[in-house]
């Protein structure tokens, strides 16, 4: 995904204003690893999404529910089976949660998405390389 930057210059003249503008594409690109909506079952269930990562890669995880009373959170499992709650339940607010982390292994990662109220529902999951 390319970022579009707006460059603008405004000149104020005695007779009024003149606006000159231009657009350019930035060379900076974002790398979306996951961008999907999943349905977390009620009663404490979870849903897995997987992606490939490499040691030293920074990622940003975003979880968004349409129901603002829900509390989405995740458990990120590395290829060797180790894991941590990222983003943790404690940081969920208003149906949203997010966190940054750095991966320490090469291979397939699994993010299990949970919902803290145990109601369940739709959660939009985005994992982006940063």
N, C-alpha and C. Protein backbone atom coordinates (compact mmCIF):
# COMPACT_ATOMS: atom_id res chain seq x y z
N UNK A 1 0.84 -1.15 0.00
CA UNK A 1 0.00 0.00 0.00
C UNK A 1 0.90 1.23 0.00
N UNK A 2 0.73 2.10 -0.97
CA UNK A 2 1.56 3.30 -1.05
C UNK A 2 0.87 4.44 -0.32
N UNK A 3 1.66 5.24 0.34
CA UNK A 3 1.16 6.40 1.04
C UNK A 3 1.20 7.59 0.09
N UNK A 4 0.13 8.37 0.05
CA UNK A 4 0.06 9.56 -0.78
C UNK A 4 0.31 10.77 0.13
N UNK A 5 1.24 11.60 -0.24
CA UNK A 5 1.52 12.81 0.51
C UNK A 5 1.01 14.00 -0.28
N UNK A 6 0.40 14.93 0.41
CA UNK A 6 -0.08 16.16 -0.21
C UNK A 6 0.91 17.27 0.13
N UNK A 7 1.44 17.90 -0.90
CA UNK A 7 2.34 19.03 -0.72
C UNK A 7 1.57 20.27 -1.14
N UNK A 8 1.58 21.27 -0.30
CA UNK A 8 0.82 22.46 -0.63
C UNK A 8 1.59 23.72 -0.27
N UNK A 9 1.37 24.74 -1.07
CA UNK A 9 1.94 26.06 -0.83
C UNK A 9 0.81 27.06 -1.02
N UNK A 10 0.66 27.96 -0.06
CA UNK A 10 -0.39 28.97 -0.16
C UNK A 10 0.27 30.34 -0.22
N UNK A 11 -0.12 31.12 -1.21
CA UNK A 11 0.38 32.48 -1.35
C UNK A 11 -0.77 33.45 -1.11
N UNK A 12 -0.56 34.40 -0.25
CA UNK A 12 -1.58 35.42 -0.01
C UNK A 12 -1.15 36.66 -0.77
N UNK A 13 -1.98 37.08 -1.68
CA UNK A 13 -1.71 38.26 -2.50
C UNK A 13 -2.66 39.37 -2.09
N UNK A 14 -2.37 40.55 -2.49
CA UNK A 14 -3.23 41.69 -2.16
C UNK A 14 -4.63 41.50 -2.74
N UNK A 15 -4.75 40.75 -3.82
CA UNK A 15 -6.04 40.57 -4.47
C UNK A 15 -6.78 39.32 -4.01
N UNK A 16 -6.20 38.52 -3.12
CA UNK A 16 -6.87 37.31 -2.67
C UNK A 16 -5.87 36.22 -2.36
N UNK A 17 -6.31 34.98 -2.44
CA UNK A 17 -5.45 33.86 -2.12
C UNK A 17 -5.27 32.98 -3.35
N UNK A 18 -4.10 32.47 -3.48
CA UNK A 18 -3.78 31.54 -4.56
C UNK A 18 -3.29 30.26 -3.90
N UNK A 19 -3.88 29.15 -4.23
CA UNK A 19 -3.49 27.87 -3.65
C UNK A 19 -2.84 27.02 -4.72
N UNK A 20 -1.64 26.59 -4.46
CA UNK A 20 -0.95 25.68 -5.36
C UNK A 20 -0.73 24.39 -4.62
N UNK A 21 -1.04 23.27 -5.23
CA UNK A 21 -0.87 21.99 -4.55
C UNK A 21 -0.36 20.93 -5.49
N UNK A 22 0.19 19.89 -4.89
CA UNK A 22 0.69 18.76 -5.69
C UNK A 22 0.62 17.51 -4.84
N UNK A 23 0.53 16.37 -5.49
CA UNK A 23 0.53 15.08 -4.80
C UNK A 23 1.73 14.29 -5.27
N UNK A 24 2.26 13.49 -4.37
CA UNK A 24 3.33 12.58 -4.80
C UNK A 24 3.18 11.29 -4.01
N UNK A 25 3.65 10.22 -4.61
CA UNK A 25 3.64 8.94 -3.93
C UNK A 25 4.92 8.82 -3.12
N UNK A 26 4.76 8.38 -1.87
CA UNK A 26 5.91 8.16 -1.02
C UNK A 26 6.48 6.78 -1.30
N UNK A 27 7.76 6.63 -1.13
CA UNK A 27 8.40 5.33 -1.33
C UNK A 27 8.14 4.38 -0.16
N UNK A 28 7.67 4.93 0.97
CA UNK A 28 7.41 4.11 2.15
C UNK A 28 6.16 3.26 1.92
N UNK A 29 6.28 1.97 2.08
CA UNK A 29 5.15 1.08 1.89
C UNK A 29 4.88 0.33 3.17
N UNK A 30 3.62 0.04 3.43
CA UNK A 30 3.27 -0.73 4.60
C UNK A 30 3.07 -2.18 4.18
N UNK A 31 3.41 -3.09 5.07
CA UNK A 31 3.29 -4.51 4.77
C UNK A 31 2.24 -5.11 5.70
N UNK A 32 1.05 -5.31 5.19
CA UNK A 32 -0.04 -5.90 5.96
C UNK A 32 0.10 -7.41 5.90
N UNK A 33 0.26 -8.03 7.06
CA UNK A 33 0.39 -9.49 7.14
C UNK A 33 -0.96 -10.17 7.28
N UNK A 34 -1.88 -9.55 8.03
CA UNK A 34 -3.24 -10.07 8.24
C UNK A 34 -4.19 -8.87 8.20
N UNK A 35 -5.30 -9.01 7.50
CA UNK A 35 -6.35 -8.00 7.47
C UNK A 35 -7.65 -8.75 7.21
N UNK A 36 -8.30 -9.20 8.29
CA UNK A 36 -9.51 -10.00 8.13
C UNK A 36 -10.40 -9.88 9.37
N UNK A 37 -11.65 -10.24 9.19
CA UNK A 37 -12.60 -10.27 10.29
C UNK A 37 -12.87 -11.72 10.65
N UNK A 38 -12.80 -12.00 11.95
CA UNK A 38 -13.06 -13.35 12.45
C UNK A 38 -14.21 -13.27 13.45
N UNK A 39 -14.86 -14.40 13.70
CA UNK A 39 -15.93 -14.45 14.69
C UNK A 39 -15.48 -15.29 15.86
N UNK A 40 -15.32 -14.64 17.01
CA UNK A 40 -14.92 -15.32 18.24
C UNK A 40 -16.19 -15.90 18.86
N UNK A 41 -16.20 -17.21 19.14
CA UNK A 41 -17.39 -17.81 19.74
C UNK A 41 -17.56 -17.35 21.19
N UNK A 42 -18.81 -17.33 21.65
CA UNK A 42 -19.08 -16.99 23.04
C UNK A 42 -18.65 -18.12 23.96
N UNK A 43 -18.66 -17.85 25.25
CA UNK A 43 -18.34 -18.88 26.23
C UNK A 43 -16.86 -19.15 26.40
N UNK A 44 -16.01 -18.22 25.97
CA UNK A 44 -14.58 -18.37 26.20
C UNK A 44 -13.77 -18.98 25.08
N UNK A 45 -14.33 -19.11 23.89
CA UNK A 45 -13.58 -19.69 22.78
C UNK A 45 -12.64 -18.68 22.14
N UNK A 46 -11.81 -19.19 21.25
CA UNK A 46 -10.86 -18.35 20.53
C UNK A 46 -10.81 -18.73 19.07
N UNK A 47 -10.22 -17.85 18.27
CA UNK A 47 -10.05 -18.07 16.83
C UNK A 47 -8.59 -17.82 16.47
N UNK A 48 -7.99 -18.73 15.69
CA UNK A 48 -6.59 -18.61 15.29
C UNK A 48 -6.46 -17.96 13.92
N UNK A 49 -5.45 -17.09 13.79
CA UNK A 49 -4.99 -16.60 12.50
C UNK A 49 -3.48 -16.83 12.48
N UNK A 50 -2.94 -17.16 11.32
CA UNK A 50 -1.51 -17.44 11.22
C UNK A 50 -0.86 -16.52 10.19
N UNK A 51 0.43 -16.28 10.40
CA UNK A 51 1.20 -15.46 9.47
C UNK A 51 2.67 -15.84 9.59
N UNK A 52 3.44 -15.52 8.57
CA UNK A 52 4.87 -15.78 8.57
C UNK A 52 5.61 -14.56 9.08
N UNK A 53 6.62 -14.83 9.92
CA UNK A 53 7.42 -13.74 10.46
C UNK A 53 8.88 -14.13 10.49
N UNK A 54 9.72 -13.15 10.78
CA UNK A 54 11.15 -13.41 10.87
C UNK A 54 11.74 -12.70 12.08
N UNK A 55 12.82 -13.24 12.58
CA UNK A 55 13.48 -12.70 13.75
C UNK A 55 13.86 -11.24 13.52
N UNK A 56 13.51 -10.39 14.48
CA UNK A 56 13.80 -8.97 14.39
C UNK A 56 12.69 -8.14 13.76
N UNK A 57 11.67 -8.78 13.19
CA UNK A 57 10.57 -8.07 12.55
C UNK A 57 9.67 -7.44 13.62
N UNK A 58 9.40 -6.15 13.49
CA UNK A 58 8.45 -5.47 14.36
C UNK A 58 7.06 -5.57 13.77
N UNK A 59 6.06 -5.82 14.62
CA UNK A 59 4.68 -5.88 14.14
C UNK A 59 3.78 -5.05 15.04
N UNK A 60 2.68 -4.59 14.46
CA UNK A 60 1.62 -3.89 15.18
C UNK A 60 0.35 -4.70 15.01
N UNK A 61 -0.26 -5.10 16.12
CA UNK A 61 -1.50 -5.88 16.11
C UNK A 61 -2.63 -4.96 16.53
N UNK A 62 -3.72 -4.95 15.75
CA UNK A 62 -4.91 -4.17 16.08
C UNK A 62 -6.12 -5.08 16.05
N UNK A 63 -6.94 -5.04 17.10
CA UNK A 63 -8.17 -5.81 17.20
C UNK A 63 -9.31 -4.83 17.42
N UNK A 64 -10.34 -4.86 16.55
CA UNK A 64 -11.46 -3.93 16.65
C UNK A 64 -12.77 -4.70 16.54
N UNK A 65 -13.66 -4.50 17.53
CA UNK A 65 -15.00 -5.10 17.53
C UNK A 65 -16.02 -4.04 17.15
N UNK A 66 -17.09 -4.45 16.48
CA UNK A 66 -18.17 -3.51 16.19
C UNK A 66 -18.97 -3.22 17.45
N UNK A 67 -19.01 -4.15 18.38
CA UNK A 67 -19.68 -3.96 19.67
C UNK A 67 -18.66 -3.38 20.65
N UNK A 68 -18.83 -2.11 21.03
CA UNK A 68 -17.84 -1.43 21.86
C UNK A 68 -17.77 -1.96 23.29
N UNK A 69 -18.72 -2.80 23.70
CA UNK A 69 -18.66 -3.35 25.06
C UNK A 69 -17.78 -4.61 25.14
N UNK A 70 -17.32 -5.11 23.99
CA UNK A 70 -16.47 -6.29 23.99
C UNK A 70 -15.02 -5.93 24.29
N UNK A 71 -14.25 -6.92 24.73
CA UNK A 71 -12.85 -6.73 25.11
C UNK A 71 -11.97 -7.72 24.35
N UNK A 72 -11.54 -7.37 23.13
CA UNK A 72 -10.70 -8.30 22.37
C UNK A 72 -9.26 -8.31 22.89
N UNK A 73 -8.67 -9.49 22.89
CA UNK A 73 -7.25 -9.62 23.25
C UNK A 73 -6.70 -10.84 22.54
N UNK A 74 -5.39 -11.01 22.57
CA UNK A 74 -4.80 -12.10 21.81
C UNK A 74 -3.68 -12.81 22.53
N UNK A 75 -3.38 -13.99 22.05
CA UNK A 75 -2.24 -14.78 22.52
C UNK A 75 -1.39 -15.09 21.30
N UNK A 76 -0.16 -14.56 21.27
CA UNK A 76 0.73 -14.74 20.14
C UNK A 76 1.70 -15.87 20.43
N UNK A 77 1.61 -16.93 19.60
CA UNK A 77 2.46 -18.11 19.77
C UNK A 77 3.52 -18.15 18.67
N UNK A 78 4.78 -18.28 19.10
CA UNK A 78 5.92 -18.33 18.18
C UNK A 78 6.05 -19.73 17.57
N UNK A 79 6.87 -19.86 16.54
CA UNK A 79 7.04 -21.17 15.89
C UNK A 79 7.51 -22.28 16.82
N UNK A 80 8.26 -21.94 17.88
CA UNK A 80 8.75 -22.98 18.81
C UNK A 80 7.74 -23.32 19.91
N UNK A 81 6.55 -22.69 19.89
CA UNK A 81 5.52 -22.97 20.88
C UNK A 81 5.46 -22.01 22.04
N UNK A 82 6.48 -21.17 22.22
CA UNK A 82 6.43 -20.18 23.30
C UNK A 82 5.43 -19.09 22.92
N UNK A 83 4.91 -18.37 23.91
CA UNK A 83 3.94 -17.34 23.59
C UNK A 83 3.69 -16.38 24.72
N UNK A 84 2.90 -15.36 24.41
CA UNK A 84 2.53 -14.33 25.39
C UNK A 84 1.21 -13.70 24.95
N UNK A 85 0.50 -13.11 25.92
CA UNK A 85 -0.74 -12.40 25.62
C UNK A 85 -0.38 -11.03 25.03
N UNK A 86 -0.54 -10.93 23.72
CA UNK A 86 -0.25 -9.69 22.99
C UNK A 86 -1.35 -9.50 21.95
N UNK A 87 -2.16 -8.46 22.03
CA UNK A 87 -2.28 -7.52 23.13
C UNK A 87 -3.03 -8.16 24.31
N UNK A 88 -2.67 -7.78 25.55
CA UNK A 88 -3.29 -8.40 26.71
C UNK A 88 -4.71 -7.86 26.98
N UNK A 89 -5.48 -8.60 27.73
CA UNK A 89 -6.84 -8.21 28.08
C UNK A 89 -6.88 -6.85 28.78
N UNK A 90 -5.89 -6.57 29.61
CA UNK A 90 -5.87 -5.36 30.43
C UNK A 90 -5.84 -4.07 29.61
N UNK A 91 -5.44 -4.15 28.34
CA UNK A 91 -5.35 -2.93 27.52
C UNK A 91 -6.56 -2.74 26.61
N UNK A 92 -7.53 -3.66 26.67
CA UNK A 92 -8.74 -3.54 25.84
C UNK A 92 -9.64 -2.44 26.38
N UNK A 93 -10.20 -1.64 25.47
CA UNK A 93 -11.09 -0.56 25.86
C UNK A 93 -11.98 -0.18 24.69
N UNK A 94 -13.26 -0.02 24.94
CA UNK A 94 -14.18 0.44 23.90
C UNK A 94 -14.25 -0.45 22.69
N UNK A 95 -14.07 -1.77 22.88
CA UNK A 95 -14.13 -2.70 21.77
C UNK A 95 -12.85 -2.75 20.94
N UNK A 96 -11.77 -2.15 21.44
CA UNK A 96 -10.51 -2.11 20.69
C UNK A 96 -9.34 -2.51 21.57
N UNK A 97 -8.27 -2.96 20.91
CA UNK A 97 -7.04 -3.30 21.61
C UNK A 97 -5.92 -3.33 20.57
N UNK A 98 -4.71 -2.95 20.98
CA UNK A 98 -3.59 -3.00 20.06
C UNK A 98 -2.28 -3.08 20.83
N UNK A 99 -1.25 -3.54 20.14
CA UNK A 99 0.07 -3.64 20.76
C UNK A 99 1.13 -3.78 19.67
N UNK A 100 2.34 -3.36 20.01
CA UNK A 100 3.51 -3.56 19.17
C UNK A 100 4.40 -4.61 19.83
N UNK A 101 5.07 -5.41 19.02
CA UNK A 101 6.04 -6.37 19.53
C UNK A 101 7.07 -6.66 18.45
N UNK A 102 8.18 -7.23 18.87
CA UNK A 102 9.22 -7.64 17.94
C UNK A 102 9.34 -9.16 17.97
N UNK A 103 9.28 -9.77 16.81
CA UNK A 103 9.36 -11.22 16.71
C UNK A 103 10.80 -11.67 16.92
N UNK A 104 10.98 -12.86 17.53
CA UNK A 104 12.34 -13.32 17.82
C UNK A 104 12.69 -14.63 17.12
N UNK A 105 11.83 -15.09 16.21
CA UNK A 105 12.09 -16.35 15.50
C UNK A 105 11.61 -16.23 14.06
N UNK A 106 12.14 -17.10 13.23
CA UNK A 106 11.66 -17.23 11.85
C UNK A 106 10.61 -18.33 11.80
N UNK A 107 9.55 -18.12 11.01
CA UNK A 107 8.57 -19.19 10.84
C UNK A 107 7.15 -18.71 10.94
N UNK A 108 6.24 -19.67 11.20
CA UNK A 108 4.80 -19.39 11.26
C UNK A 108 4.38 -19.08 12.69
N UNK A 109 3.74 -17.92 12.84
CA UNK A 109 3.20 -17.47 14.13
C UNK A 109 1.69 -17.67 14.12
N UNK A 110 1.13 -17.93 15.31
CA UNK A 110 -0.31 -18.05 15.46
C UNK A 110 -0.79 -17.04 16.47
N UNK A 111 -1.76 -16.21 16.08
CA UNK A 111 -2.41 -15.28 17.00
C UNK A 111 -3.79 -15.83 17.27
N UNK A 112 -4.06 -16.17 18.53
CA UNK A 112 -5.40 -16.61 18.93
C UNK A 112 -6.12 -15.42 19.51
N UNK A 113 -7.30 -15.10 18.95
CA UNK A 113 -8.08 -13.95 19.38
C UNK A 113 -9.16 -14.43 20.33
N UNK A 114 -9.25 -13.76 21.48
CA UNK A 114 -10.26 -14.04 22.50
C UNK A 114 -11.08 -12.78 22.73
N UNK A 115 -12.16 -12.94 23.51
CA UNK A 115 -13.02 -11.82 23.86
C UNK A 115 -13.30 -11.91 25.36
N UNK A 116 -12.87 -10.91 26.11
CA UNK A 116 -12.88 -10.93 27.57
C UNK A 116 -14.22 -10.99 28.25
N UNK A 117 -15.28 -10.57 27.60
CA UNK A 117 -16.62 -10.63 28.19
C UNK A 117 -17.27 -12.00 28.00
N UNK A 118 -16.62 -12.87 27.21
CA UNK A 118 -17.11 -14.20 26.87
C UNK A 118 -18.46 -14.19 26.15
N UNK A 119 -18.78 -13.06 25.53
CA UNK A 119 -19.99 -12.93 24.72
C UNK A 119 -19.72 -13.43 23.31
N UNK A 120 -18.51 -13.13 22.83
CA UNK A 120 -18.14 -13.47 21.46
C UNK A 120 -18.65 -12.44 20.49
N UNK A 121 -18.20 -12.56 19.26
CA UNK A 121 -18.63 -11.63 18.21
C UNK A 121 -17.54 -11.40 17.19
N UNK A 122 -17.83 -10.51 16.26
CA UNK A 122 -16.90 -10.20 15.17
C UNK A 122 -15.76 -9.32 15.66
N UNK A 123 -14.55 -9.70 15.24
CA UNK A 123 -13.34 -8.92 15.57
C UNK A 123 -12.55 -8.73 14.28
N UNK A 124 -12.27 -7.48 13.95
CA UNK A 124 -11.42 -7.21 12.79
C UNK A 124 -9.98 -7.24 13.26
N UNK A 125 -9.16 -8.07 12.62
CA UNK A 125 -7.77 -8.29 13.01
C UNK A 125 -6.86 -7.72 11.92
N UNK A 126 -5.94 -6.85 12.34
CA UNK A 126 -4.93 -6.34 11.44
C UNK A 126 -3.56 -6.57 12.08
N UNK A 127 -2.66 -7.18 11.34
CA UNK A 127 -1.27 -7.32 11.78
C UNK A 127 -0.44 -6.69 10.68
N UNK A 128 0.34 -5.68 11.06
CA UNK A 128 1.14 -4.92 10.11
C UNK A 128 2.59 -4.91 10.52
N UNK A 129 3.48 -5.11 9.56
CA UNK A 129 4.91 -4.98 9.83
C UNK A 129 5.25 -3.52 10.03
N UNK A 130 6.02 -3.24 11.07
CA UNK A 130 6.42 -1.84 11.33
C UNK A 130 7.92 -1.70 11.30
